[in-house]
Amino acid sequence: MAHNPWAKRDAWRYEGQFTRYNRFKNTLPGLGIGTAAFLSYWAYEHFILKKGHDEHGHH
């Protein structure tokens, strides 16, 4: 592999706040909380609020 004479000057691009993890960790803020809330509500609705389809509209 060829020697890159600019390697030292480009090193900052891959360190500290510019690491791949730090660049992408905040791309979808709230996705984890939103997913957890959706799954919690889905589980509540599915397991707690069990109603048959034939119960709708009958009094």
C-alpha atoms as a PDB file:
ATOM      1  CA  MET A   1       0.000   0.000   0.000  1.00  0.00           C
ATOM      2  CA  ALA A   2       1.290   3.442  -0.888  1.00  0.00           C
ATOM      3  CA  HIS A   3       2.331   5.867   1.819  1.00  0.00           C
ATOM      4  CA  ASN A   4      -0.118   8.712   2.304  1.00  0.00           C
ATOM      5  CA  PRO A   5       1.802  11.946   2.967  1.00  0.00           C
ATOM      6  CA  TRP A   6      -1.376  13.585   4.319  1.00  0.00           C
ATOM      7  CA  ALA A   7      -2.218  10.845   6.843  1.00  0.00           C
ATOM      8  CA  LYS A   8      -1.274  12.937   9.884  1.00  0.00           C
ATOM      9  CA  ARG A   9      -3.301  15.912   8.665  1.00  0.00           C
ATOM     10  CA  ASP A  10      -6.344  13.728   7.947  1.00  0.00           C
ATOM     11  CA  ALA A  11      -6.240  11.862  11.260  1.00  0.00           C
ATOM     12  CA  TRP A  12      -8.692  14.286  12.920  1.00  0.00           C
ATOM     13  CA  ARG A  13     -11.429  13.098  10.552  1.00  0.00           C
ATOM     14  CA  TYR A  14     -11.506   9.694  12.251  1.00  0.00           C
ATOM     15  CA  GLU A  15     -10.951  10.614  15.911  1.00  0.00           C
ATOM     16  CA  GLY A  16     -13.016  12.027  18.766  1.00  0.00           C
ATOM     17  CA  GLN A  17     -16.348  13.503  17.772  1.00  0.00           C
ATOM     18  CA  PHE A  18     -15.806  12.525  14.142  1.00  0.00           C
ATOM     19  CA  THR A  19     -15.643   8.755  14.657  1.00  0.00           C
ATOM     20  CA  ARG A  20     -18.196   6.735  12.722  1.00  0.00           C
ATOM     21  CA  TYR A  21     -20.085   5.907  15.933  1.00  0.00           C
ATOM     22  CA  ASN A  22     -20.316   9.546  17.025  1.00  0.00           C
ATOM     23  CA  ARG A  23     -21.414  10.725  13.572  1.00  0.00           C
ATOM     24  CA  PHE A  24     -24.341   8.307  13.347  1.00  0.00           C
ATOM     25  CA  LYS A  25     -25.494   7.813  16.938  1.00  0.00           C
ATOM     26  CA  ASN A  26     -27.954  10.729  16.816  1.00  0.00           C
ATOM     27  CA  THR A  27     -29.289  10.285  13.284  1.00  0.00           C
ATOM     28  CA  LEU A  28     -32.663   8.932  14.475  1.00  0.00           C
ATOM     29  CA  PRO A  29     -33.390  10.556  17.837  1.00  0.00           C
ATOM     30  CA  GLY A  30     -36.298   9.038  19.702  1.00  0.00           C
ATOM     31  CA  LEU A  31     -36.439   5.856  17.633  1.00  0.00           C
ATOM     32  CA  GLY A  32     -35.727   3.633  20.648  1.00  0.00           C
ATOM     33  CA  ILE A  33     -38.272   5.348  22.881  1.00  0.00           C
ATOM     34  CA  GLY A  34     -40.866   5.393  20.105  1.00  0.00           C
ATOM     35  CA  THR A  35     -40.363   1.714  19.352  1.00  0.00           C
ATOM     36  CA  ALA A  36     -40.649   0.806  23.038  1.00  0.00           C
ATOM     37  CA  ALA A  37     -43.830   2.880  23.411  1.00  0.00           C
ATOM     38  CA  PHE A  38     -45.376   1.316  20.308  1.00  0.00           C
ATOM     39  CA  LEU A  39     -44.559  -2.219  21.428  1.00  0.00           C
ATOM     40  CA  SER A  40     -45.894  -1.528  24.926  1.00  0.00           C
ATOM     41  CA  TYR A  41     -49.177  -0.220  23.574  1.00  0.00           C
ATOM     42  CA  TRP A  42     -49.428  -3.066  21.068  1.00  0.00           C
ATOM     43  CA  ALA A  43     -48.895  -5.646  23.835  1.00  0.00           C
ATOM     44  CA  TYR A  44     -51.477  -3.887  26.055  1.00  0.00           C
ATOM     45  CA  GLU A  45     -54.016  -3.789  23.259  1.00  0.00           C
ATOM     46  CA  HIS A  46     -53.350  -7.361  22.174  1.00  0.00           C
ATOM     47  CA  PHE A  47     -53.264  -9.079  25.558  1.00  0.00           C
ATOM     48  CA  ILE A  48     -55.288  -6.839  27.895  1.00  0.00           C
ATOM     49  CA  LEU A  49     -58.024  -5.482  25.646  1.00  0.00           C
ATOM     50  CA  LYS A  50     -58.991  -8.807  24.085  1.00  0.00           C
ATOM     51  CA  LYS A  51     -62.307  -8.467  22.332  1.00  0.00           C
ATOM     52  CA  GLY A  52     -63.772 -10.715  19.721  1.00  0.00           C
ATOM     53  CA  HIS A  53     -64.489  -9.273  16.301  1.00  0.00           C
ATOM     54  CA  ASP A  54     -68.143 -10.275  16.585  1.00  0.00           C
ATOM     55  CA  GLU A  55     -68.676  -8.110  19.694  1.00  0.00           C
ATOM     56  CA  HIS A  56     -68.470  -4.840  17.766  1.00  0.00           C
ATOM     57  CA  GLY A  57     -71.820  -3.177  17.169  1.00  0.00           C
ATOM     58  CA  HIS A  58     -73.911  -5.559  19.295  1.00  0.00           C
ATOM     59  CA  HIS A  59     -75.502  -4.183  22.460  1.00  0.00           C
END
